[in-house]
C-alpha cells in the first residue's frame, strides 16, 4: 500500500506534464505485469475474471489489458457481468426481509447461466450472451460468442471473484482484483482509498447518470455495505492485484467537486472530509488528462 501527501502532490503539480506521466506510468506498469502473467498461462487458463468495488476502474483495466494482449496477437473478448443481471420480476432471491431488492447482492445475477457459460467458454463452445436494459431493469436476447482456441475471454464485474457466482473455476481462470489502494495524507489525517472511488462516482453520476451529490452519497452507503459482504471477502482469491490510483487524479477532481462539496459540508461529514482534502490541492485542468487514462472512465471524453 502506498502513501502520498498533499504537499507531494502540490509540488508535483507545478510541472503537470511530469506528474501526469509518472501517474499513468505507475498504472501502465501494473497492467503490463498483469498482461504478461495472463498471457503466460492463457492456453491453460483462457478465462480472466476481473473484480473490484464500485469506482475501481474495472472496465478501463479490462480494455487496457485486452489492448496489450492484442499486440501479442492474442485476441481478448470482453464481457460485462452486468449482462447476466436478472429482470426485476426474477430477483426474488435478492430481496431482503422487507421485500426490497438488495442491488449489490450476487443473487441479482443469473448464477446457473453464468457458471454454465464460464465452463462453455473454457471449452470453446458457443454461448448466447444475454443483455440487460438498466432503464427497464429487464433482460433480453443479446449476442453470440465463440472463443477460438488462442483467444481469451475477460469477464468484469463486482462479483467476478465470488465463488457463489463463479463456482469451481480455478483450473481455467486467472483472477484479477482492481481497486484504489493508495492513501493520501494531509499531514494529520489519511484519506481512505474508498473516498477516491467516491469522488470518481460523484463525478460520473453527476455527468452521466443524472444523480445529484446527495443521491450519490446515499447510494454509496449501500454500495459500501455490499463491498463488505460480497466483494472484499474474496479479494484474496486474486492471482493479480492492481492499484488503480492515478497520482494526479485528486488534483483533477478538485475544481470539478470542491464548490459543491463545500456547500454540503455543514450537512454531510463525508462532504466536509472530501472538501478539506481537495481544498489543499493545486488544480490540474481535465484537458490535460490523456484520452486513454482510467480517469476518463469517470470524467468522460
Protein backbone atom coordinates (compact mmCIF):
# COMPACT_ATOMS: atom_id res chain seq x y z
CA UNK A 1 0.00 0.00 0.00
CA UNK A 2 1.33 3.44 -0.96
CA UNK A 3 1.03 6.74 0.90
CA UNK A 4 1.32 10.15 -0.71
CA UNK A 5 0.93 13.60 0.87
CA UNK A 6 -0.99 16.62 -0.38
CA UNK A 7 2.33 18.51 -0.18
CA UNK A 8 3.97 16.00 -2.54
CA UNK A 9 1.03 16.26 -4.94
CA UNK A 10 1.23 20.06 -4.97
CA UNK A 11 4.98 20.10 -5.62
CA UNK A 12 4.50 17.62 -8.47
CA UNK A 13 1.52 19.60 -9.86
CA UNK A 14 3.83 22.54 -10.56
CA UNK A 15 5.04 20.53 -13.55
CA UNK A 16 1.78 18.79 -14.60
CA UNK A 17 3.34 17.00 -17.56
CA UNK A 18 5.65 15.07 -15.22
CA UNK A 19 3.06 14.13 -12.57
CA UNK A 20 0.69 13.01 -15.33
CA UNK A 21 3.41 10.96 -16.99
CA UNK A 22 4.51 9.40 -13.68
CA UNK A 23 0.94 8.63 -12.59
CA UNK A 24 -0.01 6.98 -15.86
CA UNK A 25 3.27 5.03 -15.94
CA UNK A 26 2.64 3.53 -12.47
CA UNK A 27 -0.74 2.20 -13.61
CA UNK A 28 0.57 1.04 -17.01
CA UNK A 29 3.43 -0.90 -15.45
CA UNK A 30 0.94 -2.82 -13.32
CA UNK A 31 -1.21 -3.55 -16.37
CA UNK A 32 1.85 -4.76 -18.27
CA UNK A 33 2.84 -7.16 -15.49
CA UNK A 34 -0.76 -8.42 -15.31
CA UNK A 35 -0.87 -8.95 -19.07
CA UNK A 36 2.40 -10.87 -19.03
CA UNK A 37 1.11 -13.23 -16.36
CA UNK A 38 -2.22 -13.68 -18.16
CA UNK A 39 -0.54 -14.37 -21.48
CA UNK A 40 1.96 -16.81 -19.97
CA UNK A 41 -0.88 -19.10 -18.87
CA UNK A 42 -3.55 -18.24 -21.44
CA UNK A 43 -3.57 -21.67 -23.10
CA UNK A 44 -4.32 -23.39 -19.79
CA UNK A 45 -6.37 -20.51 -18.34
CA UNK A 46 -8.27 -18.85 -21.20
CA UNK A 47 -10.77 -17.01 -18.99
CA UNK A 48 -9.87 -13.88 -16.99
CA UNK A 49 -12.10 -12.70 -14.14
CA UNK A 50 -11.71 -9.04 -13.11
CA UNK A 51 -13.37 -7.88 -9.90
CA UNK A 52 -13.25 -4.73 -7.82
CA UNK A 53 -15.59 -2.41 -5.91
CA UNK A 54 -17.61 0.40 -7.45
CA UNK A 55 -15.43 3.12 -8.99
CA UNK A 56 -12.33 0.93 -9.11
CA UNK A 57 -11.85 1.14 -12.89
CA UNK A 58 -12.66 -2.45 -13.87
CA UNK A 59 -13.86 -1.53 -17.35
CA UNK A 60 -10.82 0.53 -18.33
CA UNK A 61 -8.46 -2.05 -16.85
CA UNK A 62 -10.14 -4.83 -18.84
CA UNK A 63 -9.85 -2.90 -22.11
CA UNK A 64 -6.24 -1.80 -21.49
CA UNK A 65 -5.21 -5.41 -20.76
CA UNK A 66 -7.04 -6.56 -23.90
CA UNK A 67 -5.13 -3.94 -25.93
CA UNK A 68 -1.81 -5.23 -24.60
CA UNK A 69 -2.77 -8.82 -25.39
CA UNK A 70 -3.76 -7.80 -28.92
CA UNK A 71 -0.22 -6.54 -29.52
CA UNK A 72 0.94 -10.12 -28.96
CA UNK A 73 -1.63 -11.40 -31.46
CA UNK A 74 -3.88 -12.72 -28.70
CA UNK A 75 -7.49 -11.62 -29.09
CA UNK A 76 -9.44 -10.95 -25.87
CA UNK A 77 -13.24 -10.76 -25.83
CA UNK A 78 -14.62 -8.56 -23.02
CA UNK A 79 -17.93 -9.36 -21.35
CA UNK A 80 -19.55 -7.25 -18.66
CA UNK A 81 -21.15 -9.40 -15.98
CA UNK A 82 -23.94 -6.80 -15.83
CA UNK A 83 -25.35 -8.63 -18.85
CA UNK A 84 -26.22 -11.51 -16.54
CA UNK A 85 -28.49 -9.48 -14.26
CA UNK A 86 -31.96 -10.95 -13.88
CA UNK A 87 -35.08 -8.98 -14.75
CA UNK A 88 -36.72 -7.25 -11.79
CA UNK A 89 -39.51 -9.84 -11.66
CA UNK A 90 -36.91 -12.63 -11.33
CA UNK A 91 -35.00 -11.07 -8.43
CA UNK A 92 -36.72 -12.90 -5.56
CA UNK A 93 -33.52 -14.26 -4.01
CA UNK A 94 -32.02 -10.77 -3.98
CA UNK A 95 -34.81 -9.36 -1.81
CA UNK A 96 -34.25 -8.55 1.86
CA UNK A 97 -36.62 -9.36 4.73
CA UNK A 98 -38.67 -6.27 3.88
CA UNK A 99 -39.11 -7.34 0.28
CA UNK A 100 -36.72 -4.71 -1.10
CA UNK A 101 -34.11 -5.69 -3.68
CA UNK A 102 -30.51 -5.60 -2.49
CA UNK A 103 -28.93 -4.14 -5.61
CA UNK A 104 -25.45 -5.27 -4.50
CA UNK A 105 -26.45 -8.90 -3.98
CA UNK A 106 -24.84 -11.60 -6.15
CA UNK A 107 -28.31 -13.12 -6.44
CA UNK A 108 -29.18 -10.34 -8.88
CA UNK A 109 -27.20 -12.43 -11.39
CA UNK A 110 -28.39 -15.49 -13.23
CA UNK A 111 -25.83 -17.61 -11.41
CA UNK A 112 -26.63 -21.01 -13.02
CA UNK A 113 -26.38 -19.50 -16.51
CA UNK A 114 -23.17 -17.65 -15.68
CA UNK A 115 -21.49 -20.79 -14.31
CA UNK A 116 -22.59 -22.72 -17.38
CA UNK A 117 -21.21 -20.08 -19.75
CA UNK A 118 -17.88 -19.94 -17.89
CA UNK A 119 -17.37 -23.63 -18.48
CA UNK A 120 -18.52 -23.44 -22.09
CA UNK A 121 -16.16 -20.55 -22.82
CA UNK A 122 -13.23 -22.52 -21.43
CA UNK A 123 -14.10 -25.33 -23.86
CA UNK A 124 -14.55 -23.08 -26.92
CA UNK A 125 -18.29 -23.73 -27.06
CA UNK A 126 -20.59 -21.02 -28.41
CA UNK A 127 -22.68 -19.12 -25.88
CA UNK A 128 -25.61 -16.72 -26.13
CA UNK A 129 -24.67 -13.71 -24.01
CA UNK A 130 -27.79 -12.02 -22.60
CA UNK A 131 -28.17 -8.23 -22.50
CA UNK A 132 -29.60 -6.10 -19.72
CA UNK A 133 -31.59 -2.87 -20.02
CA UNK A 134 -30.86 -0.83 -16.90
CA UNK A 135 -33.62 1.69 -17.59
CA UNK A 136 -36.27 -1.04 -17.73
CA UNK A 137 -34.42 -3.44 -15.40
CA UNK A 138 -35.13 -6.22 -17.88
CA UNK A 139 -33.03 -8.87 -19.57
CA UNK A 140 -33.33 -9.60 -23.25
CA UNK A 141 -31.58 -11.51 -26.03
CA UNK A 142 -28.00 -10.40 -26.62
CA UNK A 143 -25.23 -11.71 -28.86
CA UNK A 144 -23.44 -14.98 -29.56
CA UNK A 145 -19.79 -15.58 -28.78
CA UNK A 146 -17.49 -18.46 -29.62
CA UNK A 147 -13.95 -18.32 -28.32
CA UNK A 148 -11.32 -19.55 -30.73
CA UNK A 149 -8.55 -21.78 -29.27
CA UNK A 150 -5.94 -18.99 -28.96
CA UNK A 151 -8.41 -16.34 -27.75
CA UNK A 152 -9.05 -15.13 -24.21
CA UNK A 153 -12.29 -14.01 -22.62
CA UNK A 154 -12.25 -11.26 -19.97
CA UNK A 155 -15.31 -11.06 -17.70
CA UNK A 156 -15.51 -7.99 -15.48
CA UNK A 157 -17.92 -7.32 -12.66
CA UNK A 158 -18.13 -6.73 -8.91
CA UNK A 159 -18.89 -10.41 -8.24
CA UNK A 160 -16.26 -11.90 -10.54
CA UNK A 161 -14.26 -13.43 -7.65
CA UNK A 162 -17.24 -14.63 -5.61
CA UNK A 163 -17.23 -18.47 -5.64
CA UNK A 164 -21.01 -18.46 -5.23
CA UNK A 165 -21.18 -16.91 -8.70
CA UNK A 166 -18.19 -18.49 -10.44
CA UNK A 167 -18.15 -21.95 -8.88
CA UNK A 168 -15.03 -24.09 -9.06
CA UNK A 169 -13.24 -22.49 -11.99
CA UNK A 170 -9.66 -22.14 -10.69
CA UNK A 171 -8.27 -24.62 -13.23
CA UNK A 172 -9.13 -22.48 -16.26
CA UNK A 173 -9.30 -18.89 -14.96
CA UNK A 174 -6.93 -16.10 -13.92
CA UNK A 175 -8.41 -13.86 -11.23
CA UNK A 176 -7.62 -10.13 -11.09
CA UNK A 177 -8.61 -7.70 -8.34
CA UNK A 178 -8.51 -3.96 -9.08
CA UNK A 179 -9.11 -1.12 -6.66
CA UNK A 180 -7.65 2.12 -5.32
CA UNK A 181 -5.02 1.17 -2.73
CA UNK A 182 -3.03 4.42 -2.24
CA UNK A 183 -3.85 6.68 0.69
CA UNK A 184 -3.49 10.48 0.63
CA UNK A 185 -2.21 12.27 3.77
CA UNK A 186 -2.78 15.91 4.66
CA UNK A 187 -0.24 15.73 7.50
CA UNK A 188 -2.84 14.92 10.14
CA UNK A 189 -5.33 12.55 8.53
CA UNK A 190 -5.35 9.88 5.85
CA UNK A 191 -7.93 9.83 3.08
CA UNK A 192 -9.13 6.25 2.72
CA UNK A 193 -8.94 4.81 -0.83
CA UNK A 194 -12.72 4.36 -0.86
CA UNK A 195 -13.03 8.16 -0.80
CA UNK A 196 -11.11 8.39 -4.08
CA UNK A 197 -13.57 5.91 -5.56
CA UNK A 198 -16.41 8.02 -4.14
CA UNK A 199 -15.02 11.12 -5.87
CA UNK A 200 -14.98 9.17 -9.13
CA UNK A 201 -18.60 8.15 -8.58
CA UNK A 202 -19.70 11.68 -7.65
CA UNK A 203 -18.37 12.98 -10.95
CA UNK A 204 -19.62 10.12 -13.12
CA UNK A 205 -23.07 10.09 -11.51
CA UNK A 206 -23.43 13.83 -11.96
CA UNK A 207 -22.23 13.91 -15.57
CA UNK A 208 -23.73 10.71 -16.95
CA UNK A 209 -26.35 9.24 -14.59
CA UNK A 210 -28.42 12.24 -13.58
CA UNK A 211 -27.73 11.86 -9.84
CA UNK A 212 -27.06 14.83 -7.60
CA UNK A 213 -24.45 14.76 -4.87
CA UNK A 214 -26.90 13.80 -2.09
CA UNK A 215 -28.23 10.85 -4.09
CA UNK A 216 -24.71 9.54 -4.69
CA UNK A 217 -23.80 9.86 -1.00
CA UNK A 218 -26.93 7.90 -0.07
CA UNK A 219 -26.37 5.33 -2.81
CA UNK A 220 -22.74 4.85 -1.78
CA UNK A 221 -23.80 3.67 1.69
CA UNK A 222 -25.45 0.57 0.22
CA UNK A 223 -22.50 0.16 -2.18
CA UNK A 224 -20.03 0.05 0.74
CA UNK A 225 -22.24 -2.42 2.60
CA UNK A 226 -22.27 -4.63 -0.50
CA UNK A 227 -18.48 -4.38 -0.78
CA UNK A 228 -18.04 -5.59 2.81
CA UNK A 229 -20.42 -8.51 2.29
CA UNK A 230 -19.85 -9.62 -1.29
CA UNK A 231 -16.53 -8.30 -2.67
CA UNK A 232 -13.80 -7.76 -0.06
CA UNK A 233 -14.05 -11.27 1.47
CA UNK A 234 -12.95 -12.76 -1.86
CA UNK A 235 -10.15 -10.43 -2.97
CA UNK A 236 -7.59 -12.92 -1.63
CA UNK A 237 -8.64 -15.27 -4.46
CA UNK A 238 -6.93 -12.92 -6.91
CA UNK A 239 -3.84 -14.10 -8.75
CA UNK A 240 -3.09 -10.46 -9.66
CA UNK A 241 -3.86 -7.20 -7.83
CA UNK A 242 -3.75 -3.74 -9.41
CA UNK A 243 -3.78 -0.36 -7.63
CA UNK A 244 -5.81 1.90 -9.93
CA UNK A 245 -4.95 5.13 -8.11
CA UNK A 246 -3.59 7.72 -10.54
CA UNK A 247 -1.21 10.10 -8.80
CA UNK A 248 -2.71 13.34 -10.10
CA UNK A 249 -6.40 12.42 -10.19
CA UNK A 250 -7.44 14.23 -6.99
CA UNK A 251 -5.90 17.42 -8.42
CA UNK A 252 -8.13 16.98 -11.48
CA UNK A 253 -11.23 16.37 -9.35
CA UNK A 254 -10.61 19.47 -7.22
CA UNK A 255 -12.31 22.05 -9.42
CA UNK A 256 -14.95 19.57 -10.55
CA UNK A 257 -16.17 18.87 -7.00
CA UNK A 258 -14.89 21.38 -4.44
CA UNK A 259 -17.55 24.10 -4.66
CA UNK A 260 -20.43 21.64 -4.42
CA UNK A 261 -18.80 19.68 -1.60
CA UNK A 262 -18.23 22.87 0.39
CA UNK A 263 -21.91 23.74 0.03
CA UNK A 264 -22.81 20.38 1.60
CA UNK A 265 -20.07 20.28 4.25
CA UNK A 266 -22.31 21.57 7.04
CA UNK A 267 -24.84 18.76 6.38
CA UNK A 268 -22.59 15.85 5.40
CA UNK A 269 -19.47 14.85 7.35
CA UNK A 270 -18.16 12.99 4.32
CA UNK A 271 -18.58 16.09 2.13
CA UNK A 272 -16.60 18.10 4.69
CA UNK A 273 -13.80 15.49 4.72
CA UNK A 274 -13.50 15.43 0.93
CA UNK A 275 -13.64 19.24 0.71
CA UNK A 276 -10.85 19.58 3.28
CA UNK A 277 -8.51 17.36 1.26
CA UNK A 278 -9.40 18.80 -2.14
CA UNK A 279 -9.11 22.34 -0.83
CA UNK A 280 -5.44 21.74 -0.07
CA UNK A 281 -4.59 20.68 -3.62
CA UNK A 282 -3.47 22.68 -6.62
CA UNK A 283 -5.84 22.05 -9.53
CA UNK A 284 -4.89 20.35 -12.76
CA UNK A 285 -7.21 21.03 -15.70
CA UNK A 286 -9.01 17.96 -17.02
CA UNK A 287 -7.99 18.82 -20.59
CA UNK A 288 -4.51 17.54 -19.71
CA UNK A 289 -5.81 14.03 -18.90
CA UNK A 290 -4.74 11.54 -21.63
CA UNK A 291 -7.58 10.06 -23.66
CA UNK A 292 -6.77 6.51 -22.61
CA UNK A 293 -6.43 7.33 -18.90
CA UNK A 294 -8.57 5.44 -16.42
CA UNK A 295 -9.70 8.88 -15.19
CA UNK A 296 -11.60 9.27 -18.46
CA UNK A 297 -13.92 6.44 -17.34
CA UNK A 298 -15.30 8.92 -14.81
CA UNK A 299 -14.85 12.40 -16.29
CA UNK A 300 -15.74 11.48 -19.87
CA UNK A 301 -14.36 12.28 -23.33
